[in-house]
Amino acid sequence: MKSKKGAIQLSLGFIITIVFAVVLLSLAITWLRSTITGISGLTVDLTQQAQSEIAKTFQNTQKNFAIWPSRYELHPGSELIMAAGIKNNDEEGRTLYFVINMKLTSTDANVDEDEVNTEWITVPQVATKIDPAATATRDIAVKVPSNAPQGSYLFDVYACYGTSASEAGNTKDCDINSPNLWSSPQPVTINVKG
């Protein structure tokens, strides 16, 4: 009789230990999830991957202007560093200077479009010199504020050119109406998810 009682007590102690372990594991998982969610304000730097993808695009297609990625999902408070690439295939074989710009074209979120264009987007302010038949990439940063509303944000990325930096113009003036627009604007979709 004593051996059966001892076995039952041992089993009961083992069950209680397992229950405590499961409760502690659940608490640890909950804590880990909240910690990872709090880290969502990190910067996603896709520069190297973007340069590689743009180089492939120029090798495999006739395109002379490309961006990568063209679609990405971000959380409020986080930042994406992407790239735009230019291939100088000027018919006259000239060395050209380029500026890049990115502008919001539409969104389903309730947000001030001018604020998005001026505060979310960082593009190089200096023209890039590209020799004939050469390529170059420039980084573009999109930083979504922590209070940004969820939704789809559709952007166009533009490249404008000139035979000098001053002829290429200012970054802020490079848009769909520029007389010196290089190739077609490239679309980018940023989905902001909470």
N, C-alpha and C. Protein backbone atom coordinates (compact mmCIF):
# COMPACT_ATOMS: atom_id res chain seq x y z
N MET A 1 0.81 -1.18 0.00
CA MET A 1 0.00 0.00 0.00
C MET A 1 0.86 1.26 0.00
N LYS A 2 1.97 1.22 0.73
CA LYS A 2 2.86 2.39 0.78
C LYS A 2 3.45 2.67 -0.59
N SER A 3 3.78 1.67 -1.37
CA SER A 3 4.39 1.90 -2.68
C SER A 3 3.40 2.56 -3.64
N LYS A 4 2.10 2.22 -3.56
CA LYS A 4 1.11 2.85 -4.41
C LYS A 4 0.92 4.31 -4.02
N LYS A 5 0.91 4.58 -2.72
CA LYS A 5 0.76 5.96 -2.24
C LYS A 5 1.96 6.79 -2.67
N GLY A 6 3.14 6.24 -2.59
CA GLY A 6 4.34 6.94 -3.03
C GLY A 6 4.33 7.21 -4.52
N ALA A 7 3.82 6.26 -5.30
CA ALA A 7 3.74 6.44 -6.75
C ALA A 7 2.75 7.54 -7.11
N ILE A 8 1.62 7.59 -6.39
CA ILE A 8 0.62 8.63 -6.64
C ILE A 8 1.19 9.99 -6.28
N GLN A 9 1.90 10.09 -5.16
CA GLN A 9 2.50 11.36 -4.74
C GLN A 9 3.56 11.81 -5.75
N LEU A 10 4.35 10.86 -6.25
CA LEU A 10 5.36 11.18 -7.24
C LEU A 10 4.70 11.68 -8.52
N SER A 11 3.65 11.02 -8.95
CA SER A 11 2.94 11.43 -10.16
C SER A 11 2.32 12.81 -9.98
N LEU A 12 1.73 13.08 -8.83
CA LEU A 12 1.13 14.38 -8.56
C LEU A 12 2.19 15.48 -8.55
N GLY A 13 3.34 15.20 -7.96
CA GLY A 13 4.44 16.17 -7.97
C GLY A 13 4.96 16.43 -9.37
N PHE A 14 5.02 15.38 -10.18
CA PHE A 14 5.47 15.52 -11.58
C PHE A 14 4.48 16.36 -12.38
N ILE A 15 3.20 16.14 -12.19
CA ILE A 15 2.16 16.89 -12.90
C ILE A 15 2.22 18.37 -12.52
N ILE A 16 2.39 18.65 -11.25
CA ILE A 16 2.48 20.05 -10.79
C ILE A 16 3.71 20.72 -11.39
N THR A 17 4.81 20.01 -11.48
CA THR A 17 6.03 20.55 -12.08
C THR A 17 5.80 20.86 -13.56
N ILE A 18 5.13 19.97 -14.28
CA ILE A 18 4.84 20.19 -15.70
C ILE A 18 3.94 21.41 -15.87
N VAL A 19 2.92 21.55 -15.02
CA VAL A 19 2.01 22.70 -15.10
C VAL A 19 2.79 24.00 -14.89
N PHE A 20 3.66 24.05 -13.89
CA PHE A 20 4.48 25.25 -13.66
C PHE A 20 5.38 25.53 -14.87
N ALA A 21 5.96 24.50 -15.46
CA ALA A 21 6.83 24.69 -16.62
C ALA A 21 6.05 25.27 -17.80
N VAL A 22 4.83 24.76 -18.03
CA VAL A 22 4.01 25.26 -19.13
C VAL A 22 3.62 26.73 -18.89
N VAL A 23 3.27 27.07 -17.64
CA VAL A 23 2.91 28.46 -17.32
C VAL A 23 4.12 29.37 -17.54
N LEU A 24 5.29 28.97 -17.09
CA LEU A 24 6.49 29.78 -17.28
C LEU A 24 6.84 29.92 -18.76
N LEU A 25 6.69 28.86 -19.53
CA LEU A 25 6.96 28.92 -20.96
C LEU A 25 5.98 29.88 -21.65
N SER A 26 4.72 29.83 -21.26
CA SER A 26 3.73 30.76 -21.83
C SER A 26 4.07 32.20 -21.51
N LEU A 27 4.47 32.47 -20.29
CA LEU A 27 4.87 33.83 -19.91
C LEU A 27 6.10 34.28 -20.69
N ALA A 28 7.06 33.39 -20.88
CA ALA A 28 8.27 33.73 -21.64
C ALA A 28 7.93 34.04 -23.09
N ILE A 29 7.05 33.27 -23.70
CA ILE A 29 6.66 33.51 -25.09
C ILE A 29 5.94 34.85 -25.22
N THR A 30 5.04 35.14 -24.28
CA THR A 30 4.33 36.43 -24.30
C THR A 30 5.30 37.59 -24.17
N TRP A 31 6.27 37.47 -23.26
CA TRP A 31 7.26 38.53 -23.08
C TRP A 31 8.10 38.70 -24.35
N LEU A 32 8.49 37.60 -24.97
CA LEU A 32 9.31 37.65 -26.18
C LEU A 32 8.56 38.31 -27.32
N ARG A 33 7.29 38.00 -27.48
CA ARG A 33 6.48 38.64 -28.53
C ARG A 33 6.39 40.15 -28.32
N SER A 34 6.16 40.57 -27.10
CA SER A 34 6.04 42.02 -26.84
C SER A 34 7.38 42.71 -27.06
N THR A 35 8.48 42.03 -26.76
CA THR A 35 9.80 42.61 -27.00
C THR A 35 10.06 42.76 -28.48
N ILE A 36 9.73 41.74 -29.27
CA ILE A 36 9.94 41.80 -30.72
C ILE A 36 9.06 42.87 -31.35
N THR A 37 7.83 43.00 -30.90
CA THR A 37 6.95 44.05 -31.41
C THR A 37 7.52 45.42 -31.10
N GLY A 38 8.13 45.59 -29.93
CA GLY A 38 8.73 46.87 -29.56
C GLY A 38 9.95 47.20 -30.38
N ILE A 39 10.57 46.20 -31.00
CA ILE A 39 11.76 46.42 -31.80
C ILE A 39 11.41 46.80 -33.23
N SER A 40 10.13 46.87 -33.56
CA SER A 40 9.73 47.10 -34.95
C SER A 40 10.21 48.44 -35.49
N GLY A 41 10.75 49.32 -34.67
CA GLY A 41 11.25 50.60 -35.12
C GLY A 41 12.63 50.54 -35.74
N LEU A 42 13.09 49.38 -36.09
CA LEU A 42 14.41 49.23 -36.67
C LEU A 42 14.43 49.66 -38.13
N THR A 43 15.63 49.90 -38.61
CA THR A 43 15.83 50.24 -40.02
C THR A 43 16.09 48.98 -40.82
N VAL A 44 15.37 48.85 -41.93
CA VAL A 44 15.58 47.73 -42.84
C VAL A 44 16.43 48.27 -43.99
N ASP A 45 17.71 47.87 -44.02
CA ASP A 45 18.63 48.37 -45.03
C ASP A 45 18.78 47.31 -46.12
N LEU A 46 18.18 47.58 -47.28
CA LEU A 46 18.23 46.65 -48.40
C LEU A 46 19.21 47.12 -49.48
N THR A 47 20.14 47.99 -49.13
CA THR A 47 21.04 48.60 -50.11
C THR A 47 21.79 47.57 -50.94
N GLN A 48 22.47 46.62 -50.31
CA GLN A 48 23.27 45.66 -51.06
C GLN A 48 22.40 44.76 -51.94
N GLN A 49 21.31 44.30 -51.38
CA GLN A 49 20.41 43.45 -52.16
C GLN A 49 19.80 44.25 -53.32
N ALA A 50 19.46 45.51 -53.05
CA ALA A 50 18.89 46.37 -54.11
C ALA A 50 19.89 46.58 -55.23
N GLN A 51 21.14 46.85 -54.89
CA GLN A 51 22.16 47.05 -55.92
C GLN A 51 22.31 45.81 -56.79
N SER A 52 22.26 44.65 -56.17
CA SER A 52 22.38 43.39 -56.92
C SER A 52 21.17 43.19 -57.85
N GLU A 53 19.98 43.45 -57.33
CA GLU A 53 18.77 43.27 -58.14
C GLU A 53 18.72 44.26 -59.30
N ILE A 54 19.15 45.49 -59.06
CA ILE A 54 19.16 46.50 -60.12
C ILE A 54 20.19 46.14 -61.19
N ALA A 55 21.35 45.64 -60.77
CA ALA A 55 22.37 45.21 -61.74
C ALA A 55 21.82 44.09 -62.63
N LYS A 56 21.08 43.15 -62.04
CA LYS A 56 20.46 42.07 -62.82
C LYS A 56 19.45 42.64 -63.82
N THR A 57 18.68 43.62 -63.38
CA THR A 57 17.69 44.24 -64.26
C THR A 57 18.37 44.87 -65.47
N PHE A 58 19.46 45.59 -65.24
CA PHE A 58 20.17 46.23 -66.34
C PHE A 58 20.83 45.21 -67.27
N GLN A 59 21.27 44.08 -66.73
CA GLN A 59 21.89 43.04 -67.56
C GLN A 59 20.87 42.29 -68.40
N ASN A 60 19.68 42.09 -67.85
CA ASN A 60 18.69 41.23 -68.50
C ASN A 60 17.59 41.95 -69.26
N THR A 61 17.55 43.28 -69.18
CA THR A 61 16.50 44.03 -69.86
C THR A 61 17.12 45.25 -70.55
N GLN A 62 16.28 45.98 -71.25
CA GLN A 62 16.71 47.22 -71.91
C GLN A 62 16.46 48.45 -71.02
N LYS A 63 16.02 48.23 -69.79
CA LYS A 63 15.71 49.35 -68.90
C LYS A 63 16.95 50.18 -68.59
N ASN A 64 16.75 51.49 -68.42
CA ASN A 64 17.86 52.36 -68.03
C ASN A 64 17.57 53.09 -66.71
N PHE A 65 16.46 52.72 -66.07
CA PHE A 65 16.12 53.29 -64.76
C PHE A 65 15.32 52.24 -64.01
N ALA A 66 15.74 51.89 -62.80
CA ALA A 66 15.07 50.85 -62.02
C ALA A 66 15.15 51.16 -60.54
N ILE A 67 14.19 50.63 -59.79
CA ILE A 67 14.22 50.74 -58.34
C ILE A 67 14.02 49.35 -57.75
N TRP A 68 14.45 49.18 -56.53
CA TRP A 68 14.22 47.92 -55.82
C TRP A 68 14.23 48.16 -54.34
N PRO A 69 13.29 47.63 -53.58
CA PRO A 69 12.14 46.86 -54.01
C PRO A 69 11.02 47.79 -54.50
N SER A 70 10.11 47.24 -55.26
CA SER A 70 8.98 48.04 -55.75
C SER A 70 7.78 47.91 -54.83
N ARG A 71 7.85 47.00 -53.87
CA ARG A 71 6.76 46.81 -52.91
C ARG A 71 7.38 46.36 -51.59
N TYR A 72 6.90 46.96 -50.48
CA TYR A 72 7.44 46.58 -49.18
C TYR A 72 6.42 46.90 -48.10
N GLU A 73 6.46 46.12 -47.02
CA GLU A 73 5.58 46.34 -45.87
C GLU A 73 6.40 46.86 -44.70
N LEU A 74 5.95 47.96 -44.11
CA LEU A 74 6.63 48.56 -42.96
C LEU A 74 5.64 48.76 -41.82
N HIS A 75 6.18 48.77 -40.61
CA HIS A 75 5.38 49.10 -39.44
C HIS A 75 5.63 50.56 -39.07
N PRO A 76 4.65 51.22 -38.45
CA PRO A 76 4.89 52.59 -37.99
C PRO A 76 6.15 52.64 -37.11
N GLY A 77 6.96 53.67 -37.32
CA GLY A 77 8.19 53.83 -36.55
C GLY A 77 9.39 53.15 -37.16
N SER A 78 9.24 52.51 -38.30
CA SER A 78 10.38 51.83 -38.92
C SER A 78 10.79 52.54 -40.21
N GLU A 79 11.96 52.16 -40.72
CA GLU A 79 12.54 52.83 -41.88
C GLU A 79 13.04 51.79 -42.88
N LEU A 80 12.86 52.10 -44.17
CA LEU A 80 13.34 51.26 -45.25
C LEU A 80 14.38 52.04 -46.05
N ILE A 81 15.52 51.42 -46.30
CA ILE A 81 16.51 52.01 -47.20
C ILE A 81 16.55 51.14 -48.45
N MET A 82 16.11 51.73 -49.56
CA MET A 82 16.04 51.04 -50.84
C MET A 82 16.98 51.74 -51.81
N ALA A 83 16.92 51.39 -53.09
CA ALA A 83 17.84 52.02 -54.05
C ALA A 83 17.16 52.24 -55.40
N ALA A 84 17.64 53.28 -56.07
CA ALA A 84 17.27 53.55 -57.46
C ALA A 84 18.55 53.45 -58.27
N GLY A 85 18.44 52.88 -59.46
CA GLY A 85 19.61 52.71 -60.31
C GLY A 85 19.40 53.35 -61.67
N ILE A 86 20.48 53.90 -62.21
CA ILE A 86 20.44 54.55 -63.52
C ILE A 86 21.54 53.96 -64.39
N LYS A 87 21.17 53.68 -65.62
CA LYS A 87 22.13 53.22 -66.62
C LYS A 87 22.24 54.33 -67.67
N ASN A 88 23.43 54.87 -67.83
CA ASN A 88 23.63 55.97 -68.79
C ASN A 88 23.84 55.38 -70.18
N ASN A 89 22.73 55.20 -70.87
CA ASN A 89 22.81 54.71 -72.26
C ASN A 89 22.45 55.85 -73.23
N ASP A 90 22.93 57.04 -72.89
CA ASP A 90 22.67 58.22 -73.72
C ASP A 90 23.12 57.96 -75.15
N GLU A 91 22.25 58.26 -76.11
CA GLU A 91 22.53 57.98 -77.53
C GLU A 91 23.74 58.75 -78.05
N GLU A 92 24.02 59.91 -77.44
CA GLU A 92 25.15 60.72 -77.88
C GLU A 92 26.44 60.38 -77.14
N GLY A 93 26.37 59.43 -76.20
CA GLY A 93 27.56 59.01 -75.48
C GLY A 93 28.10 60.06 -74.52
N ARG A 94 27.24 60.89 -73.96
CA ARG A 94 27.67 61.96 -73.06
C ARG A 94 27.77 61.48 -71.62
N THR A 95 28.65 62.12 -70.86
CA THR A 95 28.64 61.97 -69.41
C THR A 95 27.47 62.80 -68.91
N LEU A 96 26.62 62.20 -68.07
CA LEU A 96 25.44 62.90 -67.58
C LEU A 96 25.41 62.95 -66.06
N TYR A 97 24.65 63.91 -65.56
CA TYR A 97 24.43 64.06 -64.12
C TYR A 97 22.95 63.78 -63.85
N PHE A 98 22.67 63.09 -62.75
CA PHE A 98 21.31 62.70 -62.44
C PHE A 98 20.93 63.10 -61.02
N VAL A 99 19.67 63.46 -60.85
CA VAL A 99 19.07 63.62 -59.52
C VAL A 99 17.89 62.67 -59.44
N ILE A 100 17.60 62.22 -58.23
CA ILE A 100 16.51 61.28 -57.97
C ILE A 100 15.51 61.97 -57.04
N ASN A 101 14.23 61.69 -57.25
CA ASN A 101 13.20 62.17 -56.34
C ASN A 101 12.12 61.10 -56.21
N MET A 102 11.40 61.15 -55.10
CA MET A 102 10.31 60.21 -54.84
C MET A 102 9.15 61.00 -54.29
N LYS A 103 7.96 60.79 -54.86
CA LYS A 103 6.78 61.54 -54.42
C LYS A 103 5.59 60.61 -54.28
N LEU A 104 4.77 60.90 -53.28
CA LEU A 104 3.53 60.16 -53.06
C LEU A 104 2.55 60.52 -54.17
N THR A 105 1.96 59.49 -54.79
CA THR A 105 0.97 59.75 -55.84
C THR A 105 -0.45 59.49 -55.35
N SER A 106 -0.63 58.52 -54.45
CA SER A 106 -1.96 58.28 -53.88
C SER A 106 -1.84 57.40 -52.64
N THR A 107 -2.88 57.45 -51.82
CA THR A 107 -2.94 56.61 -50.62
C THR A 107 -4.39 56.45 -50.21
N ASP A 108 -4.67 55.35 -49.53
CA ASP A 108 -6.01 55.16 -48.97
C ASP A 108 -6.05 55.54 -47.50
N ALA A 109 -4.94 56.08 -46.99
CA ALA A 109 -4.86 56.51 -45.59
C ALA A 109 -5.20 57.99 -45.48
N ASN A 110 -5.69 58.38 -44.34
CA ASN A 110 -6.00 59.79 -44.08
C ASN A 110 -4.73 60.47 -43.57
N VAL A 111 -3.98 61.05 -44.51
CA VAL A 111 -2.69 61.64 -44.18
C VAL A 111 -2.44 62.83 -45.11
N ASP A 112 -1.67 63.79 -44.63
CA ASP A 112 -1.30 64.95 -45.43
C ASP A 112 -0.20 64.54 -46.42
N GLU A 113 -0.51 64.59 -47.72
CA GLU A 113 0.45 64.14 -48.74
C GLU A 113 1.73 64.98 -48.73
N ASP A 114 1.63 66.28 -48.49
CA ASP A 114 2.83 67.11 -48.44
C ASP A 114 3.73 66.69 -47.28
N GLU A 115 3.13 66.31 -46.16
CA GLU A 115 3.91 65.86 -45.01
C GLU A 115 4.67 64.56 -45.35
N VAL A 116 4.00 63.65 -46.05
CA VAL A 116 4.66 62.41 -46.45
C VAL A 116 5.85 62.72 -47.35
N ASN A 117 5.65 63.61 -48.34
CA ASN A 117 6.71 63.94 -49.29
C ASN A 117 7.89 64.65 -48.64
N THR A 118 7.64 65.46 -47.64
CA THR A 118 8.73 66.23 -47.03
C THR A 118 9.36 65.56 -45.81
N GLU A 119 8.57 64.74 -45.06
CA GLU A 119 9.10 64.20 -43.82
C GLU A 119 9.41 62.70 -43.86
N TRP A 120 8.77 61.96 -44.73
CA TRP A 120 9.00 60.52 -44.77
C TRP A 120 10.18 60.15 -45.67
N ILE A 121 10.41 60.91 -46.71
CA ILE A 121 11.33 60.52 -47.78
C ILE A 121 12.64 61.30 -47.70
N THR A 122 13.74 60.59 -47.78
CA THR A 122 15.06 61.22 -47.85
C THR A 122 15.75 60.71 -49.11
N VAL A 123 16.06 61.64 -50.00
CA VAL A 123 16.76 61.31 -51.25
C VAL A 123 18.05 62.12 -51.30
N PRO A 124 19.05 61.66 -52.05
CA PRO A 124 20.30 62.42 -52.18
C PRO A 124 20.02 63.80 -52.77
N GLN A 125 20.64 64.81 -52.22
CA GLN A 125 20.42 66.18 -52.68
C GLN A 125 21.44 66.63 -53.72
N VAL A 126 22.44 65.81 -53.97
CA VAL A 126 23.50 66.16 -54.91
C VAL A 126 23.38 65.29 -56.15
N ALA A 127 23.59 65.90 -57.31
CA ALA A 127 23.52 65.15 -58.57
C ALA A 127 24.66 64.13 -58.64
N THR A 128 24.37 63.01 -59.26
CA THR A 128 25.34 61.93 -59.45
C THR A 128 25.88 61.97 -60.87
N LYS A 129 27.20 61.95 -61.01
CA LYS A 129 27.83 61.93 -62.34
C LYS A 129 27.97 60.48 -62.79
N ILE A 130 27.49 60.20 -64.03
CA ILE A 130 27.59 58.85 -64.57
C ILE A 130 28.20 58.92 -65.97
N ASP A 131 29.31 58.25 -66.15
CA ASP A 131 29.99 58.21 -67.45
C ASP A 131 29.17 57.41 -68.46
N PRO A 132 29.45 57.58 -69.75
CA PRO A 132 28.73 56.83 -70.78
C PRO A 132 28.84 55.32 -70.55
N ALA A 133 27.71 54.61 -70.73
CA ALA A 133 27.61 53.15 -70.59
C ALA A 133 27.83 52.66 -69.16
N ALA A 134 27.92 53.56 -68.19
CA ALA A 134 28.11 53.17 -66.79
C ALA A 134 26.77 53.18 -66.07
N THR A 135 26.76 52.60 -64.89
CA THR A 135 25.56 52.59 -64.06
C THR A 135 25.91 53.12 -62.67
N ALA A 136 24.89 53.57 -61.97
CA ALA A 136 25.07 54.03 -60.59
C ALA A 136 23.78 53.82 -59.83
N THR A 137 23.88 53.61 -58.53
CA THR A 137 22.70 53.51 -57.68
C THR A 137 22.75 54.58 -56.61
N ARG A 138 21.58 55.00 -56.18
CA ARG A 138 21.46 55.97 -55.10
C ARG A 138 20.46 55.43 -54.09
N ASP A 139 20.76 55.62 -52.82
CA ASP A 139 19.87 55.17 -51.75
C ASP A 139 18.69 56.12 -51.59
N ILE A 140 17.56 55.55 -51.25
CA ILE A 140 16.36 56.31 -50.90
C ILE A 140 15.88 55.76 -49.57
N ALA A 141 15.63 56.63 -48.61
CA ALA A 141 15.14 56.20 -47.31
C ALA A 141 13.68 56.63 -47.15
N VAL A 142 12.87 55.69 -46.67
CA VAL A 142 11.47 55.98 -46.35
C VAL A 142 11.29 55.66 -44.88
N LYS A 143 11.07 56.71 -44.07
CA LYS A 143 10.90 56.53 -42.63
C LYS A 143 9.45 56.81 -42.26
N VAL A 144 8.76 55.77 -41.80
CA VAL A 144 7.35 55.89 -41.45
C VAL A 144 7.26 56.33 -39.99
N PRO A 145 6.63 57.48 -39.72
CA PRO A 145 6.51 57.93 -38.33
C PRO A 145 5.71 56.95 -37.47
N SER A 146 5.94 56.97 -36.17
CA SER A 146 5.26 56.04 -35.27
C SER A 146 3.75 56.27 -35.22
N ASN A 147 3.30 57.47 -35.62
CA ASN A 147 1.86 57.76 -35.59
C ASN A 147 1.23 57.68 -36.98
N ALA A 148 1.91 57.09 -37.94
CA ALA A 148 1.40 57.01 -39.32
C ALA A 148 0.18 56.10 -39.39
N PRO A 149 -0.85 56.53 -40.11
CA PRO A 149 -2.02 55.66 -40.26
C PRO A 149 -1.71 54.48 -41.18
N GLN A 150 -2.37 53.36 -40.90
CA GLN A 150 -2.20 52.17 -41.74
C GLN A 150 -2.80 52.42 -43.11
N GLY A 151 -2.25 51.74 -44.11
CA GLY A 151 -2.78 51.85 -45.46
C GLY A 151 -1.72 51.60 -46.50
N SER A 152 -2.13 51.71 -47.76
CA SER A 152 -1.22 51.57 -48.90
C SER A 152 -0.81 52.95 -49.38
N TYR A 153 0.48 53.14 -49.53
CA TYR A 153 1.04 54.41 -50.00
C TYR A 153 1.73 54.14 -51.33
N LEU A 154 1.24 54.78 -52.38
CA LEU A 154 1.80 54.58 -53.71
C LEU A 154 2.68 55.77 -54.08
N PHE A 155 3.91 55.49 -54.45
CA PHE A 155 4.89 56.51 -54.77
C PHE A 155 5.36 56.34 -56.21
N ASP A 156 5.90 57.40 -56.78
CA ASP A 156 6.65 57.33 -58.03
C ASP A 156 8.06 57.83 -57.75
N VAL A 157 9.04 57.15 -58.32
CA VAL A 157 10.44 57.57 -58.21
C VAL A 157 10.85 58.11 -59.58
N TYR A 158 11.45 59.31 -59.58
CA TYR A 158 11.82 60.00 -60.81
C TYR A 158 13.33 60.16 -60.89
N ALA A 159 13.83 60.22 -62.11
CA ALA A 159 15.23 60.58 -62.36
C ALA A 159 15.23 61.69 -63.40
N CYS A 160 15.99 62.75 -63.14
CA CYS A 160 16.14 63.84 -64.09
C CYS A 160 17.63 63.99 -64.39
N TYR A 161 17.95 64.40 -65.61
CA TYR A 161 19.34 64.42 -66.03
C TYR A 161 19.73 65.76 -66.65
N GLY A 162 21.03 65.94 -66.80
CA GLY A 162 21.59 67.10 -67.47
C GLY A 162 23.05 66.84 -67.76
N THR A 163 23.66 67.72 -68.57
CA THR A 163 25.08 67.56 -68.87
C THR A 163 25.97 68.17 -67.79
N SER A 164 25.34 68.81 -66.81
CA SER A 164 26.05 69.33 -65.64
C SER A 164 25.12 69.17 -64.44
N ALA A 165 25.69 69.32 -63.26
CA ALA A 165 24.87 69.20 -62.05
C ALA A 165 23.77 70.26 -62.02
N SER A 166 24.10 71.47 -62.44
CA SER A 166 23.09 72.54 -62.43
C SER A 166 22.01 72.29 -63.48
N GLU A 167 22.37 71.70 -64.61
CA GLU A 167 21.39 71.39 -65.63
C GLU A 167 20.47 70.25 -65.21
N ALA A 168 21.00 69.32 -64.42
CA ALA A 168 20.16 68.23 -63.90
C ALA A 168 19.08 68.78 -62.99
N GLY A 169 19.38 69.88 -62.34
CA GLY A 169 18.38 70.57 -61.52
C GLY A 169 18.38 70.13 -60.07
N ASN A 170 17.41 70.65 -59.34
CA ASN A 170 17.26 70.32 -57.93
C ASN A 170 16.44 69.05 -57.77
N THR A 171 16.76 68.30 -56.75
CA THR A 171 16.02 67.07 -56.46
C THR A 171 14.54 67.35 -56.30
N LYS A 172 14.19 68.39 -55.55
CA LYS A 172 12.77 68.66 -55.26
C LYS A 172 11.97 69.03 -56.50
N ASP A 173 12.64 69.50 -57.57
CA ASP A 173 11.93 69.89 -58.79
C ASP A 173 11.81 68.75 -59.80
N CYS A 174 12.44 67.64 -59.54
CA CYS A 174 12.39 66.50 -60.46
C CYS A 174 11.07 65.76 -60.26
N ASP A 175 10.17 65.85 -61.25
CA ASP A 175 8.89 65.16 -61.17
C ASP A 175 8.38 64.85 -62.57
N ILE A 176 7.15 64.43 -62.66
CA ILE A 176 6.58 63.97 -63.93
C ILE A 176 6.54 65.08 -64.98
N ASN A 177 6.55 66.33 -64.56
CA ASN A 177 6.49 67.46 -65.50
C ASN A 177 7.85 68.00 -65.89
N SER A 178 8.92 67.40 -65.41
CA SER A 178 10.26 67.89 -65.73
C SER A 178 10.58 67.68 -67.20
N PRO A 179 11.14 68.70 -67.86
CA PRO A 179 11.49 68.53 -69.28
C PRO A 179 12.67 67.59 -69.49
N ASN A 180 13.43 67.35 -68.43
CA ASN A 180 14.62 66.51 -68.54
C ASN A 180 14.44 65.18 -67.79
N LEU A 181 13.21 64.65 -67.80
CA LEU A 181 12.90 63.39 -67.13
C LEU A 181 13.62 62.24 -67.84
N TRP A 182 14.31 61.40 -67.08
CA TRP A 182 15.03 60.25 -67.63
C TRP A 182 14.13 59.02 -67.50
N SER A 183 13.74 58.44 -68.61
CA SER A 183 12.93 57.23 -68.63
C SER A 183 11.58 57.46 -67.97
N SER A 184 10.90 56.39 -67.64
CA SER A 184 9.57 56.46 -67.02
C SER A 184 9.71 56.42 -65.50
N PRO A 185 8.83 57.13 -64.79
CA PRO A 185 8.84 57.01 -63.33
C PRO A 185 8.62 55.55 -62.92
N GLN A 186 9.25 55.17 -61.84
CA GLN A 186 9.13 53.80 -61.34
C GLN A 186 8.22 53.78 -60.11
N PRO A 187 7.19 52.90 -60.10
CA PRO A 187 6.25 52.88 -58.98
C PRO A 187 6.79 52.09 -57.79
N VAL A 188 6.44 52.55 -56.59
CA VAL A 188 6.78 51.88 -55.35
C VAL A 188 5.53 51.88 -54.47
N THR A 189 5.21 50.73 -53.88
CA THR A 189 4.09 50.64 -52.94
C THR A 189 4.63 50.30 -51.56
N ILE A 190 4.32 51.13 -50.58
CA ILE A 190 4.67 50.87 -49.19
C ILE A 190 3.36 50.61 -48.45
N ASN A 191 3.22 49.42 -47.89
CA ASN A 191 2.05 49.08 -47.09
C ASN A 191 2.42 49.27 -45.62
N VAL A 192 1.72 50.18 -44.96
CA VAL A 192 1.97 50.43 -43.54
C VAL A 192 0.97 49.59 -42.74
N LYS A 193 1.51 48.68 -41.95
CA LYS A 193 0.68 47.78 -41.15
C LYS A 193 0.99 48.00 -39.68
N GLY A 194 -0.04 48.02 -38.87
CA GLY A 194 0.12 48.20 -37.43
C GLY A 194 0.50 46.97 -36.78
